[in-house]
PDB file of N, CA and C in Angstrom:
ATOM      1  N   MET A   1      94.978 116.243 111.834  1.00  0.00           N
ATOM      2  CA  MET A   1      95.401 114.190 110.950  1.00  0.00           C
ATOM      3  C   MET A   1      94.859 113.729 109.864  1.00  0.00           C
ATOM      4  N   THR A   2      96.574 113.350 109.888  1.00  0.00           N
ATOM      5  CA  THR A   2      95.905 112.419 108.323  1.00  0.00           C
ATOM      6  C   THR A   2      94.634 111.003 108.584  1.00  0.00           C
ATOM      7  N   THR A   3      94.522 110.812 107.398  1.00  0.00           N
ATOM      8  CA  THR A   3      94.220 109.224 107.773  1.00  0.00           C
ATOM      9  C   THR A   3      94.533 108.631 106.700  1.00  0.00           C
ATOM     10  N   GLN A   4      95.562 107.700 107.119  1.00  0.00           N
ATOM     11  CA  GLN A   4      95.757 106.737 105.918  1.00  0.00           C
ATOM     12  C   GLN A   4      95.534 104.849 105.317  1.00  0.00           C
ATOM     13  N   PRO A   5      94.239 105.106 105.250  1.00  0.00           N
ATOM     14  CA  PRO A   5      93.291 104.594 105.266  1.00  0.00           C
ATOM     15  C   PRO A   5      93.950 103.469 105.061  1.00  0.00           C
ATOM     16  N   LYS A   6      94.903 102.939 103.667  1.00  0.00           N
ATOM     17  CA  LYS A   6      95.182 101.675 103.094  1.00  0.00           C
ATOM     18  C   LYS A   6      96.952 101.694 103.644  1.00  0.00           C
ATOM     19  N   ASN A   7      97.149 102.079 104.568  1.00  0.00           N
ATOM     20  CA  ASN A   7      98.286 101.745 105.022  1.00  0.00           C
ATOM     21  C   ASN A   7      98.214 100.892 106.212  1.00  0.00           C
ATOM     22  N   PRO A   8      98.247  99.732 106.179  1.00  0.00           N
ATOM     23  CA  PRO A   8      98.026  99.069 107.680  1.00  0.00           C
ATOM     24  C   PRO A   8      98.925  99.361 108.654  1.00  0.00           C
ATOM     25  N   LEU A   9     100.136  99.617 108.470  1.00  0.00           N
ATOM     26  CA  LEU A   9     100.958 100.312 109.560  1.00  0.00           C
ATOM     27  C   LEU A   9     100.446 101.556 110.648  1.00  0.00           C
ATOM     28  N   HIS A  10      99.476 102.252 109.538  1.00  0.00           N
ATOM     29  CA  HIS A  10      98.932 103.581 110.071  1.00  0.00           C
ATOM     30  C   HIS A  10      99.050 102.977 111.471  1.00  0.00           C
ATOM     31  N   GLY A  11      99.140 103.954 112.643  1.00  0.00           N
ATOM     32  CA  GLY A  11      99.465 104.399 114.020  1.00  0.00           C
ATOM     33  C   GLY A  11      99.738 102.944 114.820  1.00  0.00           C
ATOM     34  N   ILE A  12     100.446 102.279 113.873  1.00  0.00           N
ATOM     35  CA  ILE A  12     101.419 101.121 114.552  1.00  0.00           C
ATOM     36  C   ILE A  12     102.476 101.484 114.959  1.00  0.00           C
ATOM     37  N   THR A  13     103.077 101.508 116.404  1.00  0.00           N
ATOM     38  CA  THR A  13     104.358 102.122 116.466  1.00  0.00           C
ATOM     39  C   THR A  13     105.798 101.069 116.596  1.00  0.00           C
ATOM     40  N   LEU A  14     107.011 101.288 116.370  1.00  0.00           N
ATOM     41  CA  LEU A  14     108.068 100.243 115.348  1.00  0.00           C
ATOM     42  C   LEU A  14     108.396  99.628 116.918  1.00  0.00           C
ATOM     43  N   LYS A  15     108.266  99.959 117.813  1.00  0.00           N
ATOM     44  CA  LYS A  15     108.138  98.866 119.152  1.00  0.00           C
ATOM     45  C   LYS A  15     107.587  98.150 119.233  1.00  0.00           C
ATOM     46  N   THR A  16     106.013  98.210 118.644  1.00  0.00           N
ATOM     47  CA  THR A  16     104.649  97.484 119.026  1.00  0.00           C
ATOM     48  C   THR A  16     104.995  96.572 117.588  1.00  0.00           C
ATOM     49  N   ILE A  17     105.638  96.622 116.639  1.00  0.00           N
ATOM     50  CA  ILE A  17     105.688  96.193 115.689  1.00  0.00           C
ATOM     51  C   ILE A  17     107.200  94.923 116.159  1.00  0.00           C
ATOM     52  N   VAL A  18     108.411  95.372 116.342  1.00  0.00           N
ATOM     53  CA  VAL A  18     108.633  94.279 117.340  1.00  0.00           C
ATOM     54  C   VAL A  18     108.090  93.261 118.546  1.00  0.00           C
ATOM     55  N   GLU A  19     108.177  93.951 119.091  1.00  0.00           N
ATOM     56  CA  GLU A  19     107.492  93.102 120.039  1.00  0.00           C
ATOM     57  C   GLU A  19     106.782  91.879 119.674  1.00  0.00           C
ATOM     58  N   GLU A  20     105.959  92.204 118.952  1.00  0.00           N
ATOM     59  CA  GLU A  20     104.566  91.753 118.353  1.00  0.00           C
ATOM     60  C   GLU A  20     105.721  90.400 117.936  1.00  0.00           C
ATOM     61  N   LEU A  21     106.369  90.844 116.543  1.00  0.00           N
ATOM     62  CA  LEU A  21     106.796  89.626 116.086  1.00  0.00           C
ATOM     63  C   LEU A  21     107.958  88.791 116.649  1.00  0.00           C
ATOM     64  N   SER A  22     108.410  89.214 117.750  1.00  0.00           N
ATOM     65  CA  SER A  22     109.704  88.714 118.708  1.00  0.00           C
ATOM     66  C   SER A  22     108.518  88.165 119.904  1.00  0.00           C
ATOM     67  N   ALA A  23     107.010  88.555 119.783  1.00  0.00           N
ATOM     68  CA  ALA A  23     106.391  87.792 120.516  1.00  0.00           C
ATOM     69  C   ALA A  23     106.053  86.061 119.918  1.00  0.00           C
ATOM     70  N   HIS A  24     105.875  86.740 119.420  1.00  0.00           N
ATOM     71  CA  HIS A  24     104.576  85.356 118.049  1.00  0.00           C
ATOM     72  C   HIS A  24     106.351  84.202 117.340  1.00  0.00           C
ATOM     73  N   TYR A  25     107.066  84.672 116.431  1.00  0.00           N
ATOM     74  CA  TYR A  25     108.168  84.110 116.593  1.00  0.00           C
ATOM     75  C   TYR A  25     109.544  83.750 117.509  1.00  0.00           C
ATOM     76  N   GLY A  26     109.641  84.525 118.519  1.00  0.00           N
ATOM     77  CA  GLY A  26     110.804  84.306 118.816  1.00  0.00           C
ATOM     78  C   GLY A  26     111.592  84.831 118.655  1.00  0.00           C
ATOM     79  N   TRP A  27     113.099  85.204 119.028  1.00  0.00           N
ATOM     80  CA  TRP A  27     114.142  85.541 118.400  1.00  0.00           C
ATOM     81  C   TRP A  27     115.064  85.077 118.124  1.00  0.00           C
ATOM     82  N   GLU A  28     114.931  83.746 118.388  1.00  0.00           N
ATOM     83  CA  GLU A  28     115.633  82.834 117.164  1.00  0.00           C
ATOM     84  C   GLU A  28     115.166  82.496 115.618  1.00  0.00           C
ATOM     85  N   ALA A  29     114.134  82.271 115.575  1.00  0.00           N
ATOM     86  CA  ALA A  29     112.960  82.051 114.625  1.00  0.00           C
ATOM     87  C   ALA A  29     113.133  83.676 113.576  1.00  0.00           C
ATOM     88  N   LEU A  30     112.873  84.760 114.464  1.00  0.00           N
ATOM     89  CA  LEU A  30     113.104  85.926 113.684  1.00  0.00           C
ATOM     90  C   LEU A  30     114.013  86.298 112.978  1.00  0.00           C
ATOM     91  N   GLY A  31     115.847  85.932 113.632  1.00  0.00           N
ATOM     92  CA  GLY A  31     116.470  86.283 113.052  1.00  0.00           C
ATOM     93  C   GLY A  31     116.832  84.676 112.174  1.00  0.00           C
ATOM     94  N   GLU A  32     116.126  84.362 112.138  1.00  0.00           N
ATOM     95  CA  GLU A  32     116.374  83.381 110.822  1.00  0.00           C
ATOM     96  C   GLU A  32     115.929  83.865 109.805  1.00  0.00           C
ATOM     97  N   LYS A  33     114.555  83.811 110.173  1.00  0.00           N
ATOM     98  CA  LYS A  33     113.260  84.666 108.994  1.00  0.00           C
ATOM     99  C   LYS A  33     113.787  86.189 108.304  1.00  0.00           C
ATOM    100  N   ILE A  34     114.405  86.977 108.730  1.00  0.00           N
ATOM    101  CA  ILE A  34     115.212  88.504 108.835  1.00  0.00           C
ATOM    102  C   ILE A  34     116.434  88.523 109.243  1.00  0.00           C
ATOM    103  N   LYS A  35     117.080  87.835 108.350  1.00  0.00           N
ATOM    104  CA  LYS A  35     118.629  87.842 108.669  1.00  0.00           C
ATOM    105  C   LYS A  35     119.875  89.509 109.091  1.00  0.00           C
ATOM    106  N   ILE A  36     118.936  89.859 109.890  1.00  0.00           N
ATOM    107  CA  ILE A  36     119.674  91.479 110.593  1.00  0.00           C
ATOM    108  C   ILE A  36     120.724  90.930 111.550  1.00  0.00           C
ATOM    109  N   LYS A  37     121.527  91.537 112.657  1.00  0.00           N
ATOM    110  CA  LYS A  37     122.008  91.292 113.600  1.00  0.00           C
ATOM    111  C   LYS A  37     121.363  91.481 114.286  1.00  0.00           C
ATOM    112  N   CYS A  38     120.649  92.459 114.636  1.00  0.00           N
ATOM    113  CA  CYS A  38     120.014  92.581 116.361  1.00  0.00           C
ATOM    114  C   CYS A  38     118.985  91.630 116.346  1.00  0.00           C
ATOM    115  N   PHE A  39     118.349  90.998 115.540  1.00  0.00           N
ATOM    116  CA  PHE A  39     118.133  90.060 116.186  1.00  0.00           C
ATOM    117  C   PHE A  39     118.703  88.394 115.923  1.00  0.00           C
ATOM    118  N   ILE A  40     119.984  88.196 115.817  1.00  0.00           N
ATOM    119  CA  ILE A  40     120.318  87.054 115.793  1.00  0.00           C
ATOM    120  C   ILE A  40     121.686  87.610 117.143  1.00  0.00           C
ATOM    121  N   GLU A  41     122.654  88.552 117.310  1.00  0.00           N
ATOM    122  CA  GLU A  41     123.124  88.754 118.267  1.00  0.00           C
ATOM    123  C   GLU A  41     122.656  89.227 119.231  1.00  0.00           C
ATOM    124  N   LYS A  42     122.319  89.362 120.608  1.00  0.00           N
ATOM    125  CA  LYS A  42     122.025  89.701 122.014  1.00  0.00           C
ATOM    126  C   LYS A  42     120.507  90.242 121.210  1.00  0.00           C
ATOM    127  N   PRO A  43     119.800  89.578 120.817  1.00  0.00           N
ATOM    128  CA  PRO A  43     118.718  89.955 120.664  1.00  0.00           C
ATOM    129  C   PRO A  43     117.424  90.926 121.298  1.00  0.00           C
ATOM    130  N   SER A  44     117.031  92.063 121.497  1.00  0.00           N
ATOM    131  CA  SER A  44     116.242  93.198 122.307  1.00  0.00           C
ATOM    132  C   SER A  44     114.986  93.228 122.303  1.00  0.00           C
ATOM    133  N   VAL A  45     114.302  94.173 122.014  1.00  0.00           N
ATOM    134  CA  VAL A  45     113.655  94.685 121.773  1.00  0.00           C
ATOM    135  C   VAL A  45     114.232  96.430 121.792  1.00  0.00           C
ATOM    136  N   ASN A  46     115.018  97.121 122.550  1.00  0.00           N
ATOM    137  CA  ASN A  46     116.057  98.047 122.451  1.00  0.00           C
ATOM    138  C   ASN A  46     116.767  97.959 121.388  1.00  0.00           C
ATOM    139  N   SER A  47     117.454  96.953 121.785  1.00  0.00           N
ATOM    140  CA  SER A  47     118.486  96.926 120.261  1.00  0.00           C
ATOM    141  C   SER A  47     118.409  97.185 119.170  1.00  0.00           C
ATOM    142  N   SER A  48     117.063  96.618 119.235  1.00  0.00           N
ATOM    143  CA  SER A  48     116.589  95.985 117.783  1.00  0.00           C
ATOM    144  C   SER A  48     116.337  97.826 117.265  1.00  0.00           C
ATOM    145  N   LEU A  49     115.271  98.321 118.480  1.00  0.00           N
ATOM    146  CA  LEU A  49     114.907  99.865 117.787  1.00  0.00           C
ATOM    147  C   LEU A  49     115.720 100.649 117.107  1.00  0.00           C
ATOM    148  N   THR A  50     117.056 100.791 118.447  1.00  0.00           N
ATOM    149  CA  THR A  50     118.057 102.063 117.574  1.00  0.00           C
ATOM    150  C   THR A  50     118.463 101.500 116.348  1.00  0.00           C
ATOM    151  N   PHE A  51     118.919 100.278 115.954  1.00  0.00           N
ATOM    152  CA  PHE A  51     119.424  99.754 115.337  1.00  0.00           C
ATOM    153  C   PHE A  51     118.684 100.509 114.178  1.00  0.00           C
ATOM    154  N   LEU A  52     117.051  99.944 113.960  1.00  0.00           N
ATOM    155  CA  LEU A  52     115.832  99.877 112.862  1.00  0.00           C
ATOM    156  C   LEU A  52     115.893 101.581 112.417  1.00  0.00           C
ATOM    157  N   ARG A  53     116.089 102.148 113.960  1.00  0.00           N
ATOM    158  CA  ARG A  53     115.691 102.935 113.241  1.00  0.00           C
ATOM    159  C   ARG A  53     116.408 104.322 112.823  1.00  0.00           C
ATOM    160  N   LYS A  54     117.828 104.046 112.289  1.00  0.00           N
ATOM    161  CA  LYS A  54     118.901 104.329 112.049  1.00  0.00           C
ATOM    162  C   LYS A  54     119.227 103.642 110.660  1.00  0.00           C
ATOM    163  N   THR A  55     119.144 102.173 110.434  1.00  0.00           N
ATOM    164  CA  THR A  55     118.767 101.543 109.032  1.00  0.00           C
ATOM    165  C   THR A  55     117.496 101.332 108.912  1.00  0.00           C
ATOM    166  N   PRO A  56     117.414 102.708 107.291  1.00  0.00           N
ATOM    167  CA  PRO A  56     115.530 102.387 106.718  1.00  0.00           C
ATOM    168  C   PRO A  56     115.612 100.904 106.163  1.00  0.00           C
ATOM    169  N   TRP A  57     116.537 100.482 105.186  1.00  0.00           N
ATOM    170  CA  TRP A  57     116.768  99.151 104.988  1.00  0.00           C
ATOM    171  C   TRP A  57     115.887  97.983 105.243  1.00  0.00           C
ATOM    172  N   ALA A  58     116.241  98.239 107.053  1.00  0.00           N
ATOM    173  CA  ALA A  58     115.960  96.600 108.133  1.00  0.00           C
ATOM    174  C   ALA A  58     114.778  97.271 108.422  1.00  0.00           C
ATOM    175  N   ARG A  59     115.000  98.702 108.443  1.00  0.00           N
ATOM    176  CA  ARG A  59     113.251  99.059 109.061  1.00  0.00           C
ATOM    177  C   ARG A  59     111.738  98.415 108.342  1.00  0.00           C
ATOM    178  N   GLU A  60     112.513  98.912 106.995  1.00  0.00           N
ATOM    179  CA  GLU A  60     111.007  98.151 105.562  1.00  0.00           C
ATOM    180  C   GLU A  60     111.510  96.520 105.505  1.00  0.00           C
ATOM    181  N   LYS A  61     112.537  96.092 105.986  1.00  0.00           N
ATOM    182  CA  LYS A  61     111.983  94.701 105.737  1.00  0.00           C
ATOM    183  C   LYS A  61     110.812  94.500 107.257  1.00  0.00           C
ATOM    184  N   VAL A  62     111.569  94.904 107.981  1.00  0.00           N
ATOM    185  CA  VAL A  62     110.260  94.445 109.148  1.00  0.00           C
ATOM    186  C   VAL A  62     109.706  95.089 109.023  1.00  0.00           C
ATOM    187  N   GLU A  63     108.980  95.647 108.973  1.00  0.00           N
ATOM    188  CA  GLU A  63     108.187  96.028 108.422  1.00  0.00           C
ATOM    189  C   GLU A  63     106.982  95.304 107.690  1.00  0.00           C
ATOM    190  N   ASP A  64     107.902  95.035 106.617  1.00  0.00           N
ATOM    191  CA  ASP A  64     106.829  94.576 105.394  1.00  0.00           C
ATOM    192  C   ASP A  64     106.761  93.461 105.862  1.00  0.00           C
ATOM    193  N   TYR A  65     107.136  92.105 106.767  1.00  0.00           N
ATOM    194  CA  TYR A  65     107.182  91.067 107.069  1.00  0.00           C
ATOM    195  C   TYR A  65     106.130  91.337 108.371  1.00  0.00           C
ATOM    196  N   TYR A  66     106.121  91.963 109.211  1.00  0.00           N
ATOM    197  CA  TYR A  66     105.184  92.686 109.958  1.00  0.00           C
ATOM    198  C   TYR A  66     103.786  92.361 109.268  1.00  0.00           C
ATOM    199  N   VAL A  67     103.537  92.710 107.975  1.00  0.00           N
ATOM    200  CA  VAL A  67     102.618  92.705 107.311  1.00  0.00           C
ATOM    201  C   VAL A  67     101.865  92.140 106.846  1.00  0.00           C
ATOM    202  N   TRP A  68     102.700  91.244 106.470  1.00  0.00           N
ATOM    203  CA  TRP A  68     102.918  89.964 105.726  1.00  0.00           C
ATOM    204  C   TRP A  68     102.737  88.862 106.290  1.00  0.00           C
ATOM    205  N   THR A  69     103.070  89.073 108.156  1.00  0.00           N
ATOM    206  CA  THR A  69     102.647  87.848 109.402  1.00  0.00           C
ATOM    207  C   THR A  69     101.476  88.090 109.835  1.00  0.00           C
ATOM    208  N   PHE A  70     100.905  89.438 109.931  1.00  0.00           N
ATOM    209  CA  PHE A  70      99.534  89.939 110.517  1.00  0.00           C
ATOM    210  C   PHE A  70      98.086  90.739 110.019  1.00  0.00           C
ATOM    211  N   PHE A  71      98.766  90.912 108.481  1.00  0.00           N
ATOM    212  CA  PHE A  71      97.326  91.316 107.947  1.00  0.00           C
ATOM    213  C   PHE A  71      96.711  90.852 106.621  1.00  0.00           C
ATOM    214  N   LYS A  72      96.070  90.751 105.726  1.00  0.00           N
ATOM    215  CA  LYS A  72      95.501  89.795 104.734  1.00  0.00           C
ATOM    216  C   LYS A  72      95.625  90.742 103.447  1.00  0.00           C
ATOM    217  N   ARG A  73      95.234  90.951 102.607  1.00  0.00           N
ATOM    218  CA  ARG A  73      95.722  91.275 101.112  1.00  0.00           C
ATOM    219  C   ARG A  73      94.955  93.198 101.771  1.00  0.00           C
ATOM    220  N   ASP A  74      93.877  92.815 102.013  1.00  0.00           N
ATOM    221  CA  ASP A  74      93.225  93.770 102.105  1.00  0.00           C
ATOM    222  C   ASP A  74      93.700  95.140 103.029  1.00  0.00           C
ATOM    223  N   GLY A  75      94.213  94.217 103.806  1.00  0.00           N
ATOM    224  CA  GLY A  75      95.039  95.136 104.712  1.00  0.00           C
ATOM    225  C   GLY A  75      94.016  95.463 106.362  1.00  0.00           C
ATOM    226  N   THR A  76      93.558  94.201 106.403  1.00  0.00           N
ATOM    227  CA  THR A  76      92.865  94.297 107.719  1.00  0.00           C
ATOM    228  C   THR A  76      93.417  93.269 108.431  1.00  0.00           C
ATOM    229  N   ARG A  77      93.605  93.065 110.416  1.00  0.00           N
ATOM    230  CA  ARG A  77      93.920  92.409 110.788  1.00  0.00           C
ATOM    231  C   ARG A  77      94.066  91.040 110.441  1.00  0.00           C
ATOM    232  N   LYS A  78      94.642  89.604 110.259  1.00  0.00           N
ATOM    233  CA  LYS A  78      94.223  88.466 109.914  1.00  0.00           C
ATOM    234  C   LYS A  78      93.659  88.036 111.447  1.00  0.00           C
TER     235      LYS A  78
END
């Protein structure tokens, strides 16, 4: 098993990321902060996961926003 000490997302699933962001901000605010259709029109965890798994640029935006929201600069949780 490879360790990734500098990667704050190591071991965190995309599902966890979407669930935590939607719980923290709510779908409406999340759609305002990250302007992608799966967060704006009929948002759900499953529809978001389907879209994000197929769309690398959108997944990267969501992952970056998750790190910005929940982690300090040194990679530890806030």
